[in-house]
Amino acid sequence: MNTIDGPMKIQPINQQPISSVEPSEGSQFSKDLLQAIQDTNEATKKADEEGVKALIGNGSPHEAMIALTEAELKFRMMTQARNKLVEAYREVMRMNM
């Protein structure tokens, strides 16, 4: 039986860049999915940069809001894609063979 003695410590996530993950050849779905993840990551970084620029007065608040909205939409789309993949996986696992 496992017991936890003292406070739980959260291990840091490996900071391996997304671009270092390479899909196998001939897997167009994997390539498209990886590209969508990278696009979402880049949109999030751009939104952060535009937000900082707007806060310190070097950028437009309008540009910051546009970048934030774009990042939010891409993130929502990736979340929905993930939900559909999980749903499909669960459906396959329920199949009787």
PDB file of N, CA and C in Angstrom:
ATOM      1  N   MET A   1       0.842  -1.173   0.000  1.00  0.00           N
ATOM      2  CA  MET A   1       0.000   0.000   0.000  1.00  0.00           C
ATOM      3  C   MET A   1       0.891   1.241   0.000  1.00  0.00           C
ATOM      4  N   ASN A   2       0.578   2.193  -0.840  1.00  0.00           N
ATOM      5  CA  ASN A   2       1.366   3.421  -0.919  1.00  0.00           C
ATOM      6  C   ASN A   2       0.826   4.456   0.053  1.00  0.00           C
ATOM      7  N   THR A   3       1.711   5.102   0.759  1.00  0.00           N
ATOM      8  CA  THR A   3       1.316   6.194   1.643  1.00  0.00           C
ATOM      9  C   THR A   3       2.176   7.399   1.326  1.00  0.00           C
ATOM     10  N   ILE A   4       1.627   8.538   1.607  1.00  0.00           N
ATOM     11  CA  ILE A   4       2.352   9.787   1.377  1.00  0.00           C
ATOM     12  C   ILE A   4       2.752  10.343   2.733  1.00  0.00           C
ATOM     13  N   ASP A   5       4.036  10.494   2.937  1.00  0.00           N
ATOM     14  CA  ASP A   5       4.551  11.055   4.175  1.00  0.00           C
ATOM     15  C   ASP A   5       4.958  12.493   3.907  1.00  0.00           C
ATOM     16  N   GLY A   6       4.277  13.428   4.523  1.00  0.00           N
ATOM     17  CA  GLY A   6       4.613  14.824   4.340  1.00  0.00           C
ATOM     18  C   GLY A   6       3.952  15.401   3.094  1.00  0.00           C
ATOM     19  N   PRO A   7       4.276  16.660   2.774  1.00  0.00           N
ATOM     20  CA  PRO A   7       3.642  17.302   1.619  1.00  0.00           C
ATOM     21  C   PRO A   7       4.120  16.682   0.301  1.00  0.00           C
ATOM     22  N   MET A   8       3.191  16.624  -0.658  1.00  0.00           N
ATOM     23  CA  MET A   8       3.556  16.107  -1.981  1.00  0.00           C
ATOM     24  C   MET A   8       4.399  17.137  -2.702  1.00  0.00           C
ATOM     25  N   LYS A   9       5.410  16.675  -3.399  1.00  0.00           N
ATOM     26  CA  LYS A   9       6.240  17.568  -4.188  1.00  0.00           C
ATOM     27  C   LYS A   9       5.900  17.365  -5.650  1.00  0.00           C
ATOM     28  N   ILE A  10       5.674  18.464  -6.343  1.00  0.00           N
ATOM     29  CA  ILE A  10       5.362  18.396  -7.759  1.00  0.00           C
ATOM     30  C   ILE A  10       6.661  18.433  -8.540  1.00  0.00           C
ATOM     31  N   GLN A  11       6.839  17.454  -9.389  1.00  0.00           N
ATOM     32  CA  GLN A  11       8.043  17.389 -10.209  1.00  0.00           C
ATOM     33  C   GLN A  11       7.894  18.335 -11.398  1.00  0.00           C
ATOM     34  N   PRO A  12       8.939  19.071 -11.749  1.00  0.00           N
ATOM     35  CA  PRO A  12       8.843  19.981 -12.897  1.00  0.00           C
ATOM     36  C   PRO A  12       8.691  19.200 -14.194  1.00  0.00           C
ATOM     37  N   ILE A  13       7.947  19.786 -15.111  1.00  0.00           N
ATOM     38  CA  ILE A  13       7.760  19.186 -16.423  1.00  0.00           C
ATOM     39  C   ILE A  13       9.040  19.351 -17.222  1.00  0.00           C
ATOM     40  N   ASN A  14       9.385  18.328 -17.955  1.00  0.00           N
ATOM     41  CA  ASN A  14      10.564  18.383 -18.813  1.00  0.00           C
ATOM     42  C   ASN A  14      10.391  19.534 -19.807  1.00  0.00           C
ATOM     43  N   GLN A  15      11.328  20.411 -19.872  1.00  0.00           N
ATOM     44  CA  GLN A  15      11.242  21.591 -20.717  1.00  0.00           C
ATOM     45  C   GLN A  15      11.724  21.316 -22.136  1.00  0.00           C
ATOM     46  N   GLN A  16      11.402  20.151 -22.650  1.00  0.00           N
ATOM     47  CA  GLN A  16      11.788  19.791 -24.006  1.00  0.00           C
ATOM     48  C   GLN A  16      10.923  20.572 -24.990  1.00  0.00           C
ATOM     49  N   PRO A  17      11.531  21.262 -25.958  1.00  0.00           N
ATOM     50  CA  PRO A  17      10.742  22.029 -26.910  1.00  0.00           C
ATOM     51  C   PRO A  17       9.864  21.119 -27.767  1.00  0.00           C
ATOM     52  N   ILE A  18       8.705  21.629 -28.134  1.00  0.00           N
ATOM     53  CA  ILE A  18       7.762  20.860 -28.928  1.00  0.00           C
ATOM     54  C   ILE A  18       8.355  20.501 -30.276  1.00  0.00           C
ATOM     55  N   SER A  19       9.163  21.394 -30.845  1.00  0.00           N
ATOM     56  CA  SER A  19       9.689  21.173 -32.187  1.00  0.00           C
ATOM     57  C   SER A  19      10.642  19.983 -32.257  1.00  0.00           C
ATOM     58  N   SER A  20      11.131  19.482 -31.114  1.00  0.00           N
ATOM     59  CA  SER A  20      12.053  18.360 -31.154  1.00  0.00           C
ATOM     60  C   SER A  20      11.326  17.029 -31.323  1.00  0.00           C
ATOM     61  N   VAL A  21      10.011  17.036 -31.191  1.00  0.00           N
ATOM     62  CA  VAL A  21       9.234  15.822 -31.379  1.00  0.00           C
ATOM     63  C   VAL A  21       8.951  15.666 -32.865  1.00  0.00           C
ATOM     64  N   GLU A  22       9.388  14.565 -33.441  1.00  0.00           N
ATOM     65  CA  GLU A  22       9.220  14.332 -34.870  1.00  0.00           C
ATOM     66  C   GLU A  22       8.281  13.158 -35.115  1.00  0.00           C
ATOM     67  N   PRO A  23       7.195  13.380 -35.882  1.00  0.00           N
ATOM     68  CA  PRO A  23       6.329  12.260 -36.208  1.00  0.00           C
ATOM     69  C   PRO A  23       6.999  11.335 -37.214  1.00  0.00           C
ATOM     70  N   SER A  24       6.538  10.086 -37.243  1.00  0.00           N
ATOM     71  CA  SER A  24       7.104   9.136 -38.194  1.00  0.00           C
ATOM     72  C   SER A  24       6.715   9.529 -39.616  1.00  0.00           C
ATOM     73  N   GLU A  25       7.513   9.077 -40.579  1.00  0.00           N
ATOM     74  CA  GLU A  25       7.238   9.396 -41.976  1.00  0.00           C
ATOM     75  C   GLU A  25       5.922   8.770 -42.404  1.00  0.00           C
ATOM     76  N   GLY A  26       5.200   9.482 -43.265  1.00  0.00           N
ATOM     77  CA  GLY A  26       3.956   8.961 -43.793  1.00  0.00           C
ATOM     78  C   GLY A  26       2.754   9.178 -42.895  1.00  0.00           C
ATOM     79  N   SER A  27       2.930   9.823 -41.774  1.00  0.00           N
ATOM     80  CA  SER A  27       1.827  10.065 -40.847  1.00  0.00           C
ATOM     81  C   SER A  27       1.382  11.522 -40.970  1.00  0.00           C
ATOM     82  N   GLN A  28       0.521  11.790 -41.934  1.00  0.00           N
ATOM     83  CA  GLN A  28       0.077  13.164 -42.179  1.00  0.00           C
ATOM     84  C   GLN A  28      -0.731  13.700 -41.001  1.00  0.00           C
ATOM     85  N   PHE A  29      -1.536  12.848 -40.370  1.00  0.00           N
ATOM     86  CA  PHE A  29      -2.324  13.287 -39.226  1.00  0.00           C
ATOM     87  C   PHE A  29      -1.415  13.770 -38.102  1.00  0.00           C
ATOM     88  N   SER A  30      -0.352  13.026 -37.837  1.00  0.00           N
ATOM     89  CA  SER A  30       0.592  13.417 -36.782  1.00  0.00           C
ATOM     90  C   SER A  30       1.262  14.740 -37.123  1.00  0.00           C
ATOM     91  N   LYS A  31       1.632  14.903 -38.386  1.00  0.00           N
ATOM     92  CA  LYS A  31       2.271  16.150 -38.809  1.00  0.00           C
ATOM     93  C   LYS A  31       1.317  17.328 -38.666  1.00  0.00           C
ATOM     94  N   ASP A  32       0.057  17.136 -39.074  1.00  0.00           N
ATOM     95  CA  ASP A  32      -0.930  18.208 -38.956  1.00  0.00           C
ATOM     96  C   ASP A  32      -1.208  18.557 -37.503  1.00  0.00           C
ATOM     97  N   LEU A  33      -1.298  17.541 -36.664  1.00  0.00           N
ATOM     98  CA  LEU A  33      -1.546  17.770 -35.247  1.00  0.00           C
ATOM     99  C   LEU A  33      -0.378  18.508 -34.597  1.00  0.00           C
ATOM    100  N   LEU A  34       0.831  18.090 -34.925  1.00  0.00           N
ATOM    101  CA  LEU A  34       2.016  18.761 -34.389  1.00  0.00           C
ATOM    102  C   LEU A  34       2.075  20.212 -34.855  1.00  0.00           C
ATOM    103  N   GLN A  35       1.737  20.462 -36.111  1.00  0.00           N
ATOM    104  CA  GLN A  35       1.734  21.829 -36.638  1.00  0.00           C
ATOM    105  C   GLN A  35       0.696  22.688 -35.917  1.00  0.00           C
ATOM    106  N   ALA A  36      -0.477  22.122 -35.650  1.00  0.00           N
ATOM    107  CA  ALA A  36      -1.517  22.861 -34.932  1.00  0.00           C
ATOM    108  C   ALA A  36      -1.072  23.193 -33.509  1.00  0.00           C
ATOM    109  N   ILE A  37      -0.397  22.262 -32.866  1.00  0.00           N
ATOM    110  CA  ILE A  37       0.108  22.516 -31.507  1.00  0.00           C
ATOM    111  C   ILE A  37       1.160  23.617 -31.532  1.00  0.00           C
ATOM    112  N   GLN A  38       2.050  23.566 -32.507  1.00  0.00           N
ATOM    113  CA  GLN A  38       3.087  24.599 -32.617  1.00  0.00           C
ATOM    114  C   GLN A  38       2.471  25.963 -32.921  1.00  0.00           C
ATOM    115  N   ASP A  39       1.454  26.007 -33.794  1.00  0.00           N
ATOM    116  CA  ASP A  39       0.781  27.268 -34.094  1.00  0.00           C
ATOM    117  C   ASP A  39       0.113  27.851 -32.855  1.00  0.00           C
ATOM    118  N   THR A  40      -0.505  26.985 -32.071  1.00  0.00           N
ATOM    119  CA  THR A  40      -1.147  27.439 -30.830  1.00  0.00           C
ATOM    120  C   THR A  40      -0.112  27.971 -29.854  1.00  0.00           C
ATOM    121  N   ASN A  41       1.008  27.289 -29.749  1.00  0.00           N
ATOM    122  CA  ASN A  41       2.081  27.730 -28.861  1.00  0.00           C
ATOM    123  C   ASN A  41       2.634  29.091 -29.302  1.00  0.00           C
ATOM    124  N   GLU A  42       2.853  29.254 -30.602  1.00  0.00           N
ATOM    125  CA  GLU A  42       3.367  30.524 -31.117  1.00  0.00           C
ATOM    126  C   GLU A  42       2.371  31.658 -30.905  1.00  0.00           C
ATOM    127  N   ALA A  43       1.070  31.377 -31.088  1.00  0.00           N
ATOM    128  CA  ALA A  43       0.043  32.399 -30.871  1.00  0.00           C
ATOM    129  C   ALA A  43       0.004  32.823 -29.408  1.00  0.00           C
ATOM    130  N   THR A  44       0.193  31.868 -28.509  1.00  0.00           N
ATOM    131  CA  THR A  44       0.208  32.185 -27.083  1.00  0.00           C
ATOM    132  C   THR A  44       1.417  33.052 -26.728  1.00  0.00           C
ATOM    133  N   LYS A  45       2.571  32.709 -27.276  1.00  0.00           N
ATOM    134  CA  LYS A  45       3.768  33.518 -27.028  1.00  0.00           C
ATOM    135  C   LYS A  45       3.599  34.932 -27.573  1.00  0.00           C
ATOM    136  N   LYS A  46       3.023  35.047 -28.784  1.00  0.00           N
ATOM    137  CA  LYS A  46       2.803  36.358 -29.385  1.00  0.00           C
ATOM    138  C   LYS A  46       1.834  37.178 -28.530  1.00  0.00           C
ATOM    139  N   ALA A  47       0.787  36.528 -28.022  1.00  0.00           N
ATOM    140  CA  ALA A  47      -0.177  37.233 -27.173  1.00  0.00           C
ATOM    141  C   ALA A  47       0.494  37.737 -25.905  1.00  0.00           C
ATOM    142  N   ASP A  48       1.369  36.927 -25.326  1.00  0.00           N
ATOM    143  CA  ASP A  48       2.105  37.362 -24.134  1.00  0.00           C
ATOM    144  C   ASP A  48       2.971  38.574 -24.439  1.00  0.00           C
ATOM    145  N   GLU A  49       3.693  38.510 -25.563  1.00  0.00           N
ATOM    146  CA  GLU A  49       4.572  39.620 -25.943  1.00  0.00           C
ATOM    147  C   GLU A  49       3.775  40.898 -26.195  1.00  0.00           C
ATOM    148  N   GLU A  50       2.663  40.775 -26.920  1.00  0.00           N
ATOM    149  CA  GLU A  50       1.843  41.956 -27.210  1.00  0.00           C
ATOM    150  C   GLU A  50       1.234  42.524 -25.937  1.00  0.00           C
ATOM    151  N   GLY A  51       0.847  41.645 -25.003  1.00  0.00           N
ATOM    152  CA  GLY A  51       0.303  42.118 -23.737  1.00  0.00           C
ATOM    153  C   GLY A  51       1.324  42.892 -22.929  1.00  0.00           C
ATOM    154  N   VAL A  52       2.549  42.397 -22.906  1.00  0.00           N
ATOM    155  CA  VAL A  52       3.616  43.094 -22.173  1.00  0.00           C
ATOM    156  C   VAL A  52       3.902  44.447 -22.829  1.00  0.00           C
ATOM    157  N   LYS A  53       3.964  44.456 -24.166  1.00  0.00           N
ATOM    158  CA  LYS A  53       4.201  45.717 -24.877  1.00  0.00           C
ATOM    159  C   LYS A  53       3.115  46.743 -24.557  1.00  0.00           C
ATOM    160  N   ALA A  54       1.866  46.289 -24.530  1.00  0.00           N
ATOM    161  CA  ALA A  54       0.759  47.202 -24.241  1.00  0.00           C
ATOM    162  C   ALA A  54       0.840  47.720 -22.811  1.00  0.00           C
ATOM    163  N   LEU A  55       1.250  46.863 -21.886  1.00  0.00           N
ATOM    164  CA  LEU A  55       1.335  47.283 -20.484  1.00  0.00           C
ATOM    165  C   LEU A  55       2.432  48.315 -20.238  1.00  0.00           C
ATOM    166  N   ILE A  56       3.561  48.181 -20.939  1.00  0.00           N
ATOM    167  CA  ILE A  56       4.647  49.133 -20.702  1.00  0.00           C
ATOM    168  C   ILE A  56       4.545  50.353 -21.621  1.00  0.00           C
ATOM    169  N   GLY A  57       3.554  50.374 -22.504  1.00  0.00           N
ATOM    170  CA  GLY A  57       3.317  51.543 -23.329  1.00  0.00           C
ATOM    171  C   GLY A  57       4.000  51.519 -24.679  1.00  0.00           C
ATOM    172  N   ASN A  58       4.618  50.410 -25.064  1.00  0.00           N
ATOM    173  CA  ASN A  58       5.293  50.323 -26.361  1.00  0.00           C
ATOM    174  C   ASN A  58       4.426  49.698 -27.449  1.00  0.00           C
ATOM    175  N   GLY A  59       3.238  49.281 -27.108  1.00  0.00           N
ATOM    176  CA  GLY A  59       2.377  48.614 -28.083  1.00  0.00           C
ATOM    177  C   GLY A  59       0.945  49.095 -27.962  1.00  0.00           C
ATOM    178  N   SER A  60       0.158  48.693 -28.912  1.00  0.00           N
ATOM    179  CA  SER A  60      -1.245  49.074 -28.958  1.00  0.00           C
ATOM    180  C   SER A  60      -2.093  48.087 -28.161  1.00  0.00           C
ATOM    181  N   PRO A  61      -3.013  48.590 -27.362  1.00  0.00           N
ATOM    182  CA  PRO A  61      -3.920  47.684 -26.661  1.00  0.00           C
ATOM    183  C   PRO A  61      -4.786  46.882 -27.645  1.00  0.00           C
ATOM    184  N   HIS A  62      -5.074  47.482 -28.789  1.00  0.00           N
ATOM    185  CA  HIS A  62      -5.870  46.787 -29.802  1.00  0.00           C
ATOM    186  C   HIS A  62      -5.122  45.574 -30.349  1.00  0.00           C
ATOM    187  N   GLU A  63      -3.845  45.752 -30.632  1.00  0.00           N
ATOM    188  CA  GLU A  63      -3.036  44.632 -31.127  1.00  0.00           C
ATOM    189  C   GLU A  63      -2.926  43.540 -30.067  1.00  0.00           C
ATOM    190  N   ALA A  64      -2.824  43.944 -28.807  1.00  0.00           N
ATOM    191  CA  ALA A  64      -2.748  42.968 -27.724  1.00  0.00           C
ATOM    192  C   ALA A  64      -4.044  42.166 -27.629  1.00  0.00           C
ATOM    193  N   MET A  65      -5.179  42.837 -27.749  1.00  0.00           N
ATOM    194  CA  MET A  65      -6.464  42.141 -27.683  1.00  0.00           C
ATOM    195  C   MET A  65      -6.658  41.211 -28.872  1.00  0.00           C
ATOM    196  N   ILE A  66      -6.231  41.636 -30.047  1.00  0.00           N
ATOM    197  CA  ILE A  66      -6.334  40.781 -31.231  1.00  0.00           C
ATOM    198  C   ILE A  66      -5.483  39.524 -31.047  1.00  0.00           C
ATOM    199  N   ALA A  67      -4.256  39.701 -30.562  1.00  0.00           N
ATOM    200  CA  ALA A  67      -3.365  38.554 -30.346  1.00  0.00           C
ATOM    201  C   ALA A  67      -3.928  37.629 -29.268  1.00  0.00           C
ATOM    202  N   LEU A  68      -4.488  38.196 -28.194  1.00  0.00           N
ATOM    203  CA  LEU A  68      -5.075  37.381 -27.133  1.00  0.00           C
ATOM    204  C   LEU A  68      -6.287  36.599 -27.636  1.00  0.00           C
ATOM    205  N   THR A  69      -7.112  37.235 -28.445  1.00  0.00           N
ATOM    206  CA  THR A  69      -8.292  36.563 -28.983  1.00  0.00           C
ATOM    207  C   THR A  69      -7.892  35.444 -29.932  1.00  0.00           C
ATOM    208  N   GLU A  70      -6.886  35.701 -30.765  1.00  0.00           N
ATOM    209  CA  GLU A  70      -6.408  34.666 -31.680  1.00  0.00           C
ATOM    210  C   GLU A  70      -5.862  33.468 -30.907  1.00  0.00           C
ATOM    211  N   ALA A  71      -5.082  33.731 -29.869  1.00  0.00           N
ATOM    212  CA  ALA A  71      -4.531  32.646 -29.053  1.00  0.00           C
ATOM    213  C   ALA A  71      -5.644  31.875 -28.349  1.00  0.00           C
ATOM    214  N   GLU A  72      -6.639  32.590 -27.868  1.00  0.00           N
ATOM    215  CA  GLU A  72      -7.754  31.926 -27.189  1.00  0.00           C
ATOM    216  C   GLU A  72      -8.520  31.014 -28.143  1.00  0.00           C
ATOM    217  N   LEU A  73      -8.779  31.497 -29.355  1.00  0.00           N
ATOM    218  CA  LEU A  73      -9.499  30.688 -30.335  1.00  0.00           C
ATOM    219  C   LEU A  73      -8.713  29.439 -30.726  1.00  0.00           C
ATOM    220  N   LYS A  74      -7.410  29.593 -30.922  1.00  0.00           N
ATOM    221  CA  LYS A  74      -6.582  28.431 -31.264  1.00  0.00           C
ATOM    222  C   LYS A  74      -6.549  27.439 -30.118  1.00  0.00           C
ATOM    223  N   PHE A  75      -6.480  27.946 -28.892  1.00  0.00           N
ATOM    224  CA  PHE A  75      -6.463  27.055 -27.730  1.00  0.00           C
ATOM    225  C   PHE A  75      -7.789  26.303 -27.605  1.00  0.00           C
ATOM    226  N   ARG A  76      -8.904  27.002 -27.829  1.00  0.00           N
ATOM    227  CA  ARG A  76     -10.214  26.353 -27.778  1.00  0.00           C
ATOM    228  C   ARG A  76     -10.324  25.264 -28.841  1.00  0.00           C
ATOM    229  N   MET A  77      -9.826  25.561 -30.039  1.00  0.00           N
ATOM    230  CA  MET A  77      -9.879  24.585 -31.115  1.00  0.00           C
ATOM    231  C   MET A  77      -9.054  23.349 -30.759  1.00  0.00           C
ATOM    232  N   MET A  78      -7.864  23.547 -30.193  1.00  0.00           N
ATOM    233  CA  MET A  78      -7.029  22.406 -29.787  1.00  0.00           C
ATOM    234  C   MET A  78      -7.706  21.609 -28.671  1.00  0.00           C
ATOM    235  N   THR A  79      -8.375  22.293 -27.757  1.00  0.00           N
ATOM    236  CA  THR A  79      -9.080  21.602 -26.686  1.00  0.00           C
ATOM    237  C   THR A  79     -10.202  20.744 -27.251  1.00  0.00           C
ATOM    238  N   GLN A  80     -10.942  21.282 -28.217  1.00  0.00           N
ATOM    239  CA  GLN A  80     -12.016  20.510 -28.832  1.00  0.00           C
ATOM    240  C   GLN A  80     -11.470  19.316 -29.607  1.00  0.00           C
ATOM    241  N   ALA A  81     -10.356  19.506 -30.298  1.00  0.00           N
ATOM    242  CA  ALA A  81      -9.732  18.401 -31.029  1.00  0.00           C
ATOM    243  C   ALA A  81      -9.297  17.312 -30.048  1.00  0.00           C
ATOM    244  N   ARG A  82      -8.718  17.716 -28.927  1.00  0.00           N
ATOM    245  CA  ARG A  82      -8.324  16.753 -27.907  1.00  0.00           C
ATOM    246  C   ARG A  82      -9.532  16.004 -27.367  1.00  0.00           C
ATOM    247  N   ASN A  83     -10.616  16.730 -27.106  1.00  0.00           N
ATOM    248  CA  ASN A  83     -11.827  16.089 -26.598  1.00  0.00           C
ATOM    249  C   ASN A  83     -12.362  15.054 -27.590  1.00  0.00           C
ATOM    250  N   LYS A  84     -12.331  15.382 -28.873  1.00  0.00           N
ATOM    251  CA  LYS A  84     -12.802  14.443 -29.897  1.00  0.00           C
ATOM    252  C   LYS A  84     -11.900  13.223 -29.975  1.00  0.00           C
ATOM    253  N   LEU A  85     -10.588  13.419 -29.859  1.00  0.00           N
ATOM    254  CA  LEU A  85      -9.662  12.287 -29.878  1.00  0.00           C
ATOM    255  C   LEU A  85      -9.876  11.370 -28.677  1.00  0.00           C
ATOM    256  N   VAL A  86     -10.081  11.944 -27.514  1.00  0.00           N
ATOM    257  CA  VAL A  86     -10.330  11.143 -26.313  1.00  0.00           C
ATOM    258  C   VAL A  86     -11.645  10.391 -26.456  1.00  0.00           C
ATOM    259  N   GLU A  87     -12.653  11.064 -26.982  1.00  0.00           N
ATOM    260  CA  GLU A  87     -13.948  10.413 -27.189  1.00  0.00           C
ATOM    261  C   GLU A  87     -13.821   9.249 -28.172  1.00  0.00           C
ATOM    262  N   ALA A  88     -13.087   9.437 -29.256  1.00  0.00           N
ATOM    263  CA  ALA A  88     -12.879   8.364 -30.234  1.00  0.00           C
ATOM    264  C   ALA A  88     -12.111   7.204 -29.601  1.00  0.00           C
ATOM    265  N   TYR A  89     -11.091   7.511 -28.803  1.00  0.00           N
ATOM    266  CA  TYR A  89     -10.318   6.469 -28.124  1.00  0.00           C
ATOM    267  C   TYR A  89     -11.213   5.654 -27.204  1.00  0.00           C
ATOM    268  N   ARG A  90     -12.050   6.335 -26.438  1.00  0.00           N
ATOM    269  CA  ARG A  90     -12.937   5.632 -25.525  1.00  0.00           C
ATOM    270  C   ARG A  90     -13.935   4.755 -26.283  1.00  0.00           C
ATOM    271  N   GLU A  91     -14.415   5.250 -27.413  1.00  0.00           N
ATOM    272  CA  GLU A  91     -15.336   4.469 -28.229  1.00  0.00           C
ATOM    273  C   GLU A  91     -14.666   3.208 -28.753  1.00  0.00           C
ATOM    274  N   VAL A  92     -13.432   3.322 -29.207  1.00  0.00           N
ATOM    275  CA  VAL A  92     -12.692   2.149 -29.686  1.00  0.00           C
ATOM    276  C   VAL A  92     -12.469   1.165 -28.548  1.00  0.00           C
ATOM    277  N   MET A  93     -12.163   1.664 -27.358  1.00  0.00           N
ATOM    278  CA  MET A  93     -11.914   0.773 -26.229  1.00  0.00           C
ATOM    279  C   MET A  93     -13.187   0.045 -25.779  1.00  0.00           C
ATOM    280  N   ARG A  94     -14.360   0.608 -26.060  1.00  0.00           N
ATOM    281  CA  ARG A  94     -15.624  -0.036 -25.684  1.00  0.00           C
ATOM    282  C   ARG A  94     -16.045  -1.117 -26.668  1.00  0.00           C
ATOM    283  N   MET A  95     -15.418  -1.160 -27.837  1.00  0.00           N
ATOM    284  CA  MET A  95     -15.814  -2.131 -28.854  1.00  0.00           C
ATOM    285  C   MET A  95     -15.491  -3.546 -28.383  1.00  0.00           C
ATOM    286  N   ASN A  96     -16.417  -4.458 -28.675  1.00  0.00           N
ATOM    287  CA  ASN A  96     -16.192  -5.865 -28.368  1.00  0.00           C
ATOM    288  C   ASN A  96     -15.485  -6.523 -29.535  1.00  0.00           C
ATOM    289  N   MET A  97     -14.488  -7.320 -29.235  1.00  0.00           N
ATOM    290  CA  MET A  97     -13.761  -7.996 -30.312  1.00  0.00           C
ATOM    291  C   MET A  97     -13.872  -9.489 -30.156  1.00  0.00           C
TER     292      MET A  97
END
